[in-house]
Amino acid sequence: MTFETGELTALVGTSGSGKTSLLDVISGRSTGVTTGVISYNGQQCTREMMRQKSSYVLQADRLLPTLTVRETLTYMAYLKLPGHFKPSDIDKK
C-alpha cells in the first residue's frame, strides 16, 4: 500500500477482516508480534516514528458536542502530547 501526501484514504471491509489490526500496526499502536516493513518517505520506520507520524480516527465517537472538530483535535492534543509542547506547536501539528 502507498499513501500519498494530501490524499484521504478509506479502509473498507467486513467485520473481522483486519481493518483495525492493520491501522494499529501502521500507527504503532499494535502490541502484538508483527512482521514486515513500514517505510515513510523511503526510510524504514520504527514503531516510535510511526506513533509520531501517523494517526487515525477510531470507530467510537469521542467528539464533544459543544466543540468543533478542530477544537476537539486541539483539546485531544493537549491531553496526549508531552507538556513541553506550546499551543503554537500543537496548532502546527
PDB file of N, CA and C in Angstrom:
ATOM      1  N   MET A   1       0.839  -1.177   0.000  1.00  0.00           N
ATOM      2  CA  MET A   1       0.000   0.000   0.000  1.00  0.00           C
ATOM      3  C   MET A   1       0.880   1.235   0.000  1.00  0.00           C
ATOM      4  N   THR A   2       0.420   2.225  -0.681  1.00  0.00           N
ATOM      5  CA  THR A   2       1.105   3.508  -0.680  1.00  0.00           C
ATOM      6  C   THR A   2       0.074   4.591  -0.396  1.00  0.00           C
ATOM      7  N   PHE A   3       0.406   5.478   0.530  1.00  0.00           N
ATOM      8  CA  PHE A   3      -0.464   6.592   0.875  1.00  0.00           C
ATOM      9  C   PHE A   3       0.259   7.871   0.482  1.00  0.00           C
ATOM     10  N   GLU A   4      -0.365   8.666  -0.350  1.00  0.00           N
ATOM     11  CA  GLU A   4       0.248   9.893  -0.841  1.00  0.00           C
ATOM     12  C   GLU A   4      -0.146  11.086   0.024  1.00  0.00           C
ATOM     13  N   THR A   5       0.766  12.032   0.155  1.00  0.00           N
ATOM     14  CA  THR A   5       0.507  13.253   0.898  1.00  0.00           C
ATOM     15  C   THR A   5      -0.683  13.977   0.288  1.00  0.00           C
ATOM     16  N   GLY A   6      -1.581  14.437   1.150  1.00  0.00           N
ATOM     17  CA  GLY A   6      -2.739  15.189   0.698  1.00  0.00           C
ATOM     18  C   GLY A   6      -3.917  14.343   0.274  1.00  0.00           C
ATOM     19  N   GLU A   7      -3.754  13.032   0.271  1.00  0.00           N
ATOM     20  CA  GLU A   7      -4.861  12.147  -0.096  1.00  0.00           C
ATOM     21  C   GLU A   7      -5.601  11.690   1.147  1.00  0.00           C
ATOM     22  N   LEU A   8      -6.877  11.483   0.997  1.00  0.00           N
ATOM     23  CA  LEU A   8      -7.704  10.897   2.040  1.00  0.00           C
ATOM     24  C   LEU A   8      -7.948   9.453   1.635  1.00  0.00           C
ATOM     25  N   THR A   9      -7.630   8.525   2.528  1.00  0.00           N
ATOM     26  CA  THR A   9      -7.753   7.106   2.220  1.00  0.00           C
ATOM     27  C   THR A   9      -8.765   6.470   3.149  1.00  0.00           C
ATOM     28  N   ALA A  10      -9.673   5.694   2.598  1.00  0.00           N
ATOM     29  CA  ALA A  10     -10.655   4.955   3.394  1.00  0.00           C
ATOM     30  C   ALA A  10     -10.304   3.474   3.321  1.00  0.00           C
ATOM     31  N   LEU A  11     -10.314   2.824   4.461  1.00  0.00           N
ATOM     32  CA  LEU A  11     -10.073   1.392   4.544  1.00  0.00           C
ATOM     33  C   LEU A  11     -11.416   0.735   4.832  1.00  0.00           C
ATOM     34  N   VAL A  12     -11.896  -0.060   3.889  1.00  0.00           N
ATOM     35  CA  VAL A  12     -13.241  -0.622   3.968  1.00  0.00           C
ATOM     36  C   VAL A  12     -13.153  -2.140   3.945  1.00  0.00           C
ATOM     37  N   GLY A  13     -13.974  -2.782   4.759  1.00  0.00           N
ATOM     38  CA  GLY A  13     -14.021  -4.242   4.758  1.00  0.00           C
ATOM     39  C   GLY A  13     -15.068  -4.734   5.733  1.00  0.00           C
ATOM     40  N   THR A  14     -15.346  -6.024   5.662  1.00  0.00           N
ATOM     41  CA  THR A  14     -16.340  -6.609   6.555  1.00  0.00           C
ATOM     42  C   THR A  14     -15.806  -6.688   7.978  1.00  0.00           C
ATOM     43  N   SER A  15     -16.699  -6.858   8.917  1.00  0.00           N
ATOM     44  CA  SER A  15     -16.325  -7.003  10.312  1.00  0.00           C
ATOM     45  C   SER A  15     -15.378  -8.191  10.470  1.00  0.00           C
ATOM     46  N   GLY A  16     -14.269  -7.957  11.164  1.00  0.00           N
ATOM     47  CA  GLY A  16     -13.314  -9.032  11.404  1.00  0.00           C
ATOM     48  C   GLY A  16     -12.285  -9.233  10.307  1.00  0.00           C
ATOM     49  N   SER A  17     -12.291  -8.372   9.296  1.00  0.00           N
ATOM     50  CA  SER A  17     -11.361  -8.559   8.174  1.00  0.00           C
ATOM     51  C   SER A  17      -9.959  -8.016   8.443  1.00  0.00           C
ATOM     52  N   GLY A  18      -9.764  -7.318   9.566  1.00  0.00           N
ATOM     53  CA  GLY A  18      -8.427  -6.854   9.935  1.00  0.00           C
ATOM     54  C   GLY A  18      -8.157  -5.379   9.722  1.00  0.00           C
ATOM     55  N   LYS A  19      -9.197  -4.589   9.496  1.00  0.00           N
ATOM     56  CA  LYS A  19      -9.010  -3.153   9.261  1.00  0.00           C
ATOM     57  C   LYS A  19      -8.340  -2.485  10.462  1.00  0.00           C
ATOM     58  N   THR A  20      -8.882  -2.704  11.633  1.00  0.00           N
ATOM     59  CA  THR A  20      -8.334  -2.082  12.837  1.00  0.00           C
ATOM     60  C   THR A  20      -6.946  -2.622  13.135  1.00  0.00           C
ATOM     61  N   SER A  21      -6.742  -3.913  12.939  1.00  0.00           N
ATOM     62  CA  SER A  21      -5.413  -4.502  13.168  1.00  0.00           C
ATOM     63  C   SER A  21      -4.371  -3.857  12.264  1.00  0.00           C
ATOM     64  N   LEU A  22      -4.707  -3.675  10.993  1.00  0.00           N
ATOM     65  CA  LEU A  22      -3.786  -3.031  10.058  1.00  0.00           C
ATOM     66  C   LEU A  22      -3.486  -1.601  10.499  1.00  0.00           C
ATOM     67  N   LEU A  23      -4.510  -0.852  10.862  1.00  0.00           N
ATOM     68  CA  LEU A  23      -4.301   0.528  11.302  1.00  0.00           C
ATOM     69  C   LEU A  23      -3.479   0.585  12.586  1.00  0.00           C
ATOM     70  N   ASP A  24      -3.691  -0.361  13.488  1.00  0.00           N
ATOM     71  CA  ASP A  24      -2.893  -0.418  14.715  1.00  0.00           C
ATOM     72  C   ASP A  24      -1.417  -0.640  14.403  1.00  0.00           C
ATOM     73  N   VAL A  25      -1.128  -1.503  13.442  1.00  0.00           N
ATOM     74  CA  VAL A  25       0.264  -1.754  13.050  1.00  0.00           C
ATOM     75  C   VAL A  25       0.862  -0.511  12.399  1.00  0.00           C
ATOM     76  N   ILE A  26       0.153   0.074  11.453  1.00  0.00           N
ATOM     77  CA  ILE A  26       0.659   1.251  10.742  1.00  0.00           C
ATOM     78  C   ILE A  26       0.919   2.405  11.705  1.00  0.00           C
ATOM     79  N   SER A  27       0.031   2.603  12.668  1.00  0.00           N
ATOM     80  CA  SER A  27       0.154   3.745  13.578  1.00  0.00           C
ATOM     81  C   SER A  27       1.060   3.480  14.773  1.00  0.00           C
ATOM     82  N   GLY A  28       1.583   2.256  14.905  1.00  0.00           N
ATOM     83  CA  GLY A  28       2.450   1.938  16.032  1.00  0.00           C
ATOM     84  C   GLY A  28       1.695   1.617  17.302  1.00  0.00           C
ATOM     85  N   ARG A  29       0.395   1.418  17.212  1.00  0.00           N
ATOM     86  CA  ARG A  29      -0.422   1.117  18.387  1.00  0.00           C
ATOM     87  C   ARG A  29      -0.479  -0.372  18.702  1.00  0.00           C
ATOM     88  N   SER A  30      -0.054  -1.206  17.766  1.00  0.00           N
ATOM     89  CA  SER A  30      -0.140  -2.655  17.944  1.00  0.00           C
ATOM     90  C   SER A  30       0.809  -3.112  19.047  1.00  0.00           C
ATOM     91  N   THR A  31       0.323  -3.981  19.911  1.00  0.00           N
ATOM     92  CA  THR A  31       1.164  -4.512  20.984  1.00  0.00           C
ATOM     93  C   THR A  31       1.571  -5.953  20.714  1.00  0.00           C
ATOM     94  N   GLY A  32       1.104  -6.520  19.632  1.00  0.00           N
ATOM     95  CA  GLY A  32       1.417  -7.903  19.296  1.00  0.00           C
ATOM     96  C   GLY A  32       2.680  -8.020  18.461  1.00  0.00           C
ATOM     97  N   VAL A  33       3.017  -9.251  18.117  1.00  0.00           N
ATOM     98  CA  VAL A  33       4.168  -9.524  17.269  1.00  0.00           C
ATOM     99  C   VAL A  33       3.764  -9.275  15.816  1.00  0.00           C
ATOM    100  N   THR A  34       4.554  -8.504  15.109  1.00  0.00           N
ATOM    101  CA  THR A  34       4.273  -8.211  13.702  1.00  0.00           C
ATOM    102  C   THR A  34       5.533  -8.449  12.881  1.00  0.00           C
ATOM    103  N   THR A  35       5.352  -8.691  11.599  1.00  0.00           N
ATOM    104  CA  THR A  35       6.481  -8.830  10.686  1.00  0.00           C
ATOM    105  C   THR A  35       6.242  -7.924   9.492  1.00  0.00           C
ATOM    106  N   GLY A  36       7.301  -7.619   8.787  1.00  0.00           N
ATOM    107  CA  GLY A  36       7.191  -6.759   7.624  1.00  0.00           C
ATOM    108  C   GLY A  36       7.869  -5.426   7.867  1.00  0.00           C
ATOM    109  N   VAL A  37       7.804  -4.582   6.881  1.00  0.00           N
ATOM    110  CA  VAL A  37       8.483  -3.292   6.933  1.00  0.00           C
ATOM    111  C   VAL A  37       7.485  -2.194   6.597  1.00  0.00           C
ATOM    112  N   ILE A  38       7.525  -1.126   7.358  1.00  0.00           N
ATOM    113  CA  ILE A  38       6.760   0.077   7.049  1.00  0.00           C
ATOM    114  C   ILE A  38       7.783   1.162   6.782  1.00  0.00           C
ATOM    115  N   SER A  39       7.628   1.852   5.667  1.00  0.00           N
ATOM    116  CA  SER A  39       8.559   2.936   5.364  1.00  0.00           C
ATOM    117  C   SER A  39       7.787   4.236   5.201  1.00  0.00           C
ATOM    118  N   TYR A  40       8.476   5.318   5.499  1.00  0.00           N
ATOM    119  CA  TYR A  40       7.906   6.661   5.410  1.00  0.00           C
ATOM    120  C   TYR A  40       8.888   7.496   4.610  1.00  0.00           C
ATOM    121  N   ASN A  41       8.455   8.014   3.473  1.00  0.00           N
ATOM    122  CA  ASN A  41       9.335   8.767   2.572  1.00  0.00           C
ATOM    123  C   ASN A  41      10.596   7.972   2.237  1.00  0.00           C
ATOM    124  N   GLY A  42      10.432   6.657   2.032  1.00  0.00           N
ATOM    125  CA  GLY A  42      11.539   5.801   1.624  1.00  0.00           C
ATOM    126  C   GLY A  42      12.427   5.297   2.739  1.00  0.00           C
ATOM    127  N   GLN A  43      12.191   5.703   3.976  1.00  0.00           N
ATOM    128  CA  GLN A  43      13.008   5.251   5.101  1.00  0.00           C
ATOM    129  C   GLN A  43      12.218   4.272   5.952  1.00  0.00           C
ATOM    130  N   GLN A  44      12.887   3.182   6.355  1.00  0.00           N
ATOM    131  CA  GLN A  44      12.238   2.206   7.218  1.00  0.00           C
ATOM    132  C   GLN A  44      11.933   2.855   8.565  1.00  0.00           C
ATOM    133  N   CYS A  45      10.728   2.632   9.059  1.00  0.00           N
ATOM    134  CA  CYS A  45      10.266   3.292  10.281  1.00  0.00           C
ATOM    135  C   CYS A  45      10.315   2.368  11.481  1.00  0.00           C
ATOM    136  N   THR A  46      10.588   2.981  12.609  1.00  0.00           N
ATOM    137  CA  THR A  46      10.451   2.285  13.879  1.00  0.00           C
ATOM    138  C   THR A  46       9.022   2.502  14.379  1.00  0.00           C
ATOM    139  N   ARG A  47       8.660   1.742  15.378  1.00  0.00           N
ATOM    140  CA  ARG A  47       7.327   1.888  15.968  1.00  0.00           C
ATOM    141  C   ARG A  47       7.118   3.311  16.492  1.00  0.00           C
ATOM    142  N   GLU A  48       8.142   3.855  17.153  1.00  0.00           N
ATOM    143  CA  GLU A  48       8.024   5.202  17.717  1.00  0.00           C
ATOM    144  C   GLU A  48       7.849   6.250  16.614  1.00  0.00           C
ATOM    145  N   MET A  49       8.561   6.086  15.509  1.00  0.00           N
ATOM    146  CA  MET A  49       8.398   7.018  14.387  1.00  0.00           C
ATOM    147  C   MET A  49       6.970   6.988  13.869  1.00  0.00           C
ATOM    148  N   MET A  50       6.390   5.802  13.769  1.00  0.00           N
ATOM    149  CA  MET A  50       5.022   5.692  13.268  1.00  0.00           C
ATOM    150  C   MET A  50       4.031   6.316  14.240  1.00  0.00           C
ATOM    151  N   ARG A  51       4.299   6.184  15.523  1.00  0.00           N
ATOM    152  CA  ARG A  51       3.412   6.812  16.513  1.00  0.00           C
ATOM    153  C   ARG A  51       3.436   8.332  16.353  1.00  0.00           C
ATOM    154  N   GLN A  52       4.581   8.880  15.968  1.00  0.00           N
ATOM    155  CA  GLN A  52       4.713  10.325  15.801  1.00  0.00           C
ATOM    156  C   GLN A  52       4.157  10.815  14.470  1.00  0.00           C
ATOM    157  N   LYS A  53       4.254  10.013  13.418  1.00  0.00           N
ATOM    158  CA  LYS A  53       3.932  10.455  12.064  1.00  0.00           C
ATOM    159  C   LYS A  53       2.532  10.091  11.590  1.00  0.00           C
ATOM    160  N   SER A  54       1.831   9.232  12.310  1.00  0.00           N
ATOM    161  CA  SER A  54       0.541   8.766  11.802  1.00  0.00           C
ATOM    162  C   SER A  54      -0.527   8.823  12.882  1.00  0.00           C
ATOM    163  N   SER A  55      -1.756   8.791  12.422  1.00  0.00           N
ATOM    164  CA  SER A  55      -2.892   8.745  13.340  1.00  0.00           C
ATOM    165  C   SER A  55      -4.104   8.273  12.564  1.00  0.00           C
ATOM    166  N   TYR A  56      -5.111   7.873  13.295  1.00  0.00           N
ATOM    167  CA  TYR A  56      -6.377   7.548  12.651  1.00  0.00           C
ATOM    168  C   TYR A  56      -7.506   7.770  13.633  1.00  0.00           C
ATOM    169  N   VAL A  57      -8.684   7.936  13.084  1.00  0.00           N
ATOM    170  CA  VAL A  57      -9.867   8.194  13.895  1.00  0.00           C
ATOM    171  C   VAL A  57     -10.500   6.859  14.255  1.00  0.00           C
ATOM    172  N   LEU A  58     -10.639   6.602  15.541  1.00  0.00           N
ATOM    173  CA  LEU A  58     -11.235   5.355  15.997  1.00  0.00           C
ATOM    174  C   LEU A  58     -12.719   5.318  15.683  1.00  0.00           C
ATOM    175  N   GLN A  59     -13.252   4.135  15.652  1.00  0.00           N
ATOM    176  CA  GLN A  59     -14.660   3.949  15.308  1.00  0.00           C
ATOM    177  C   GLN A  59     -15.593   4.629  16.302  1.00  0.00           C
ATOM    178  N   ALA A  60     -15.281   4.540  17.577  1.00  0.00           N
ATOM    179  CA  ALA A  60     -16.144   5.128  18.604  1.00  0.00           C
ATOM    180  C   ALA A  60     -16.026   6.654  18.560  1.00  0.00           C
ATOM    181  N   ASP A  61     -17.147   7.329  18.573  1.00  0.00           N
ATOM    182  CA  ASP A  61     -17.142   8.790  18.579  1.00  0.00           C
ATOM    183  C   ASP A  61     -16.606   9.302  19.903  1.00  0.00           C
ATOM    184  N   ARG A  62     -15.676  10.217  19.826  1.00  0.00           N
ATOM    185  CA  ARG A  62     -15.128  10.834  21.021  1.00  0.00           C
ATOM    186  C   ARG A  62     -15.251  12.356  20.937  1.00  0.00           C
ATOM    187  N   LEU A  63     -16.201  12.784  20.138  1.00  0.00           N
ATOM    188  CA  LEU A  63     -16.378  14.213  19.950  1.00  0.00           C
ATOM    189  C   LEU A  63     -17.232  14.801  21.065  1.00  0.00           C
ATOM    190  N   LEU A  64     -16.834  15.959  21.505  1.00  0.00           N
ATOM    191  CA  LEU A  64     -17.629  16.685  22.487  1.00  0.00           C
ATOM    192  C   LEU A  64     -18.625  17.541  21.717  1.00  0.00           C
ATOM    193  N   PRO A  65     -19.892  17.477  22.052  1.00  0.00           N
ATOM    194  CA  PRO A  65     -20.917  18.130  21.237  1.00  0.00           C
ATOM    195  C   PRO A  65     -20.802  19.648  21.161  1.00  0.00           C
ATOM    196  N   THR A  66     -20.104  20.264  22.098  1.00  0.00           N
ATOM    197  CA  THR A  66     -20.007  21.726  22.095  1.00  0.00           C
ATOM    198  C   THR A  66     -18.765  22.240  21.372  1.00  0.00           C
ATOM    199  N   LEU A  67     -17.890  21.333  20.902  1.00  0.00           N
ATOM    200  CA  LEU A  67     -16.657  21.746  20.239  1.00  0.00           C
ATOM    201  C   LEU A  67     -16.706  21.434  18.749  1.00  0.00           C
ATOM    202  N   THR A  68     -15.999  22.255  17.974  1.00  0.00           N
ATOM    203  CA  THR A  68     -15.831  21.939  16.557  1.00  0.00           C
ATOM    204  C   THR A  68     -14.829  20.785  16.444  1.00  0.00           C
ATOM    205  N   VAL A  69     -14.683  20.227  15.253  1.00  0.00           N
ATOM    206  CA  VAL A  69     -13.708  19.150  15.054  1.00  0.00           C
ATOM    207  C   VAL A  69     -12.306  19.658  15.357  1.00  0.00           C
ATOM    208  N   ARG A  70     -11.971  20.861  14.876  1.00  0.00           N
ATOM    209  CA  ARG A  70     -10.643  21.429  15.141  1.00  0.00           C
ATOM    210  C   ARG A  70     -10.417  21.612  16.638  1.00  0.00           C
ATOM    211  N   GLU A  71     -11.403  22.137  17.342  1.00  0.00           N
ATOM    212  CA  GLU A  71     -11.274  22.329  18.789  1.00  0.00           C
ATOM    213  C   GLU A  71     -11.101  20.987  19.497  1.00  0.00           C
ATOM    214  N   THR A  72     -11.812  19.980  19.042  1.00  0.00           N
ATOM    215  CA  THR A  72     -11.684  18.649  19.637  1.00  0.00           C
ATOM    216  C   THR A  72     -10.278  18.103  19.421  1.00  0.00           C
ATOM    217  N   LEU A  73      -9.746  18.232  18.204  1.00  0.00           N
ATOM    218  CA  LEU A  73      -8.396  17.744  17.922  1.00  0.00           C
ATOM    219  C   LEU A  73      -7.353  18.489  18.751  1.00  0.00           C
ATOM    220  N   THR A  74      -7.518  19.792  18.885  1.00  0.00           N
ATOM    221  CA  THR A  74      -6.595  20.581  19.701  1.00  0.00           C
ATOM    222  C   THR A  74      -6.673  20.153  21.159  1.00  0.00           C
ATOM    223  N   TYR A  75      -7.866  19.966  21.659  1.00  0.00           N
ATOM    224  CA  TYR A  75      -8.064  19.529  23.040  1.00  0.00           C
ATOM    225  C   TYR A  75      -7.411  18.168  23.274  1.00  0.00           C
ATOM    226  N   MET A  76      -7.628  17.231  22.357  1.00  0.00           N
ATOM    227  CA  MET A  76      -7.033  15.900  22.493  1.00  0.00           C
ATOM    228  C   MET A  76      -5.507  15.976  22.435  1.00  0.00           C
ATOM    229  N   ALA A  77      -4.978  16.872  21.597  1.00  0.00           N
ATOM    230  CA  ALA A  77      -3.524  17.046  21.519  1.00  0.00           C
ATOM    231  C   ALA A  77      -2.971  17.523  22.856  1.00  0.00           C
ATOM    232  N   TYR A  78      -3.659  18.463  23.499  1.00  0.00           N
ATOM    233  CA  TYR A  78      -3.231  18.923  24.823  1.00  0.00           C
ATOM    234  C   TYR A  78      -3.184  17.763  25.817  1.00  0.00           C
ATOM    235  N   LEU A  79      -4.143  16.856  25.713  1.00  0.00           N
ATOM    236  CA  LEU A  79      -4.195  15.730  26.641  1.00  0.00           C
ATOM    237  C   LEU A  79      -3.120  14.687  26.356  1.00  0.00           C
ATOM    238  N   LYS A  80      -2.781  14.493  25.094  1.00  0.00           N
ATOM    239  CA  LYS A  80      -1.893  13.392  24.697  1.00  0.00           C
ATOM    240  C   LYS A  80      -0.424  13.775  24.563  1.00  0.00           C
ATOM    241  N   LEU A  81      -0.134  14.999  24.134  1.00  0.00           N
ATOM    242  CA  LEU A  81       1.248  15.382  23.869  1.00  0.00           C
ATOM    243  C   LEU A  81       1.982  15.713  25.163  1.00  0.00           C
ATOM    244  N   PRO A  82       3.314  15.532  25.170  1.00  0.00           N
ATOM    245  CA  PRO A  82       4.093  15.887  26.361  1.00  0.00           C
ATOM    246  C   PRO A  82       3.914  17.354  26.717  1.00  0.00           C
ATOM    247  N   GLY A  83       4.109  17.670  27.974  1.00  0.00           N
ATOM    248  CA  GLY A  83       3.851  19.011  28.494  1.00  0.00           C
ATOM    249  C   GLY A  83       4.686  20.121  27.894  1.00  0.00           C
ATOM    250  N   HIS A  84       5.835  19.784  27.272  1.00  0.00           N
ATOM    251  CA  HIS A  84       6.687  20.845  26.729  1.00  0.00           C
ATOM    252  C   HIS A  84       6.153  21.443  25.434  1.00  0.00           C
ATOM    253  N   PHE A  85       5.097  20.871  24.855  1.00  0.00           N
ATOM    254  CA  PHE A  85       4.515  21.432  23.637  1.00  0.00           C
ATOM    255  C   PHE A  85       3.750  22.705  23.968  1.00  0.00           C
ATOM    256  N   LYS A  86       3.997  23.750  23.166  1.00  0.00           N
ATOM    257  CA  LYS A  86       3.293  25.024  23.326  1.00  0.00           C
ATOM    258  C   LYS A  86       2.044  25.008  22.451  1.00  0.00           C
ATOM    259  N   PRO A  87       1.060  25.860  22.749  1.00  0.00           N
ATOM    260  CA  PRO A  87      -0.134  25.926  21.891  1.00  0.00           C
ATOM    261  C   PRO A  87       0.205  26.135  20.417  1.00  0.00           C
ATOM    262  N   SER A  88       1.230  26.951  20.124  1.00  0.00           N
ATOM    263  CA  SER A  88       1.601  27.182  18.720  1.00  0.00           C
ATOM    264  C   SER A  88       2.152  25.905  18.081  1.00  0.00           C
ATOM    265  N   ASP A  89       2.850  25.064  18.871  1.00  0.00           N
ATOM    266  CA  ASP A  89       3.347  23.780  18.360  1.00  0.00           C
ATOM    267  C   ASP A  89       2.182  22.860  18.027  1.00  0.00           C
ATOM    268  N   ILE A  90       1.191  22.847  18.894  1.00  0.00           N
ATOM    269  CA  ILE A  90       0.031  21.973  18.693  1.00  0.00           C
ATOM    270  C   ILE A  90      -0.753  22.410  17.462  1.00  0.00           C
ATOM    271  N   ASP A  91      -0.902  23.714  17.260  1.00  0.00           N
ATOM    272  CA  ASP A  91      -1.615  24.210  16.079  1.00  0.00           C
ATOM    273  C   ASP A  91      -0.920  23.788  14.789  1.00  0.00           C
ATOM    274  N   LYS A  92       0.427  23.711  14.804  1.00  0.00           N
ATOM    275  CA  LYS A  92       1.185  23.303  13.621  1.00  0.00           C
ATOM    276  C   LYS A  92       0.982  21.833  13.306  1.00  0.00           C
ATOM    277  N   LYS A  93       0.783  21.013  14.322  1.00  0.00           N
ATOM    278  CA  LYS A  93       0.616  19.579  14.117  1.00  0.00           C
ATOM    279  C   LYS A  93      -0.735  19.309  13.534  1.00  0.00           C
TER     280      LYS A  93
END
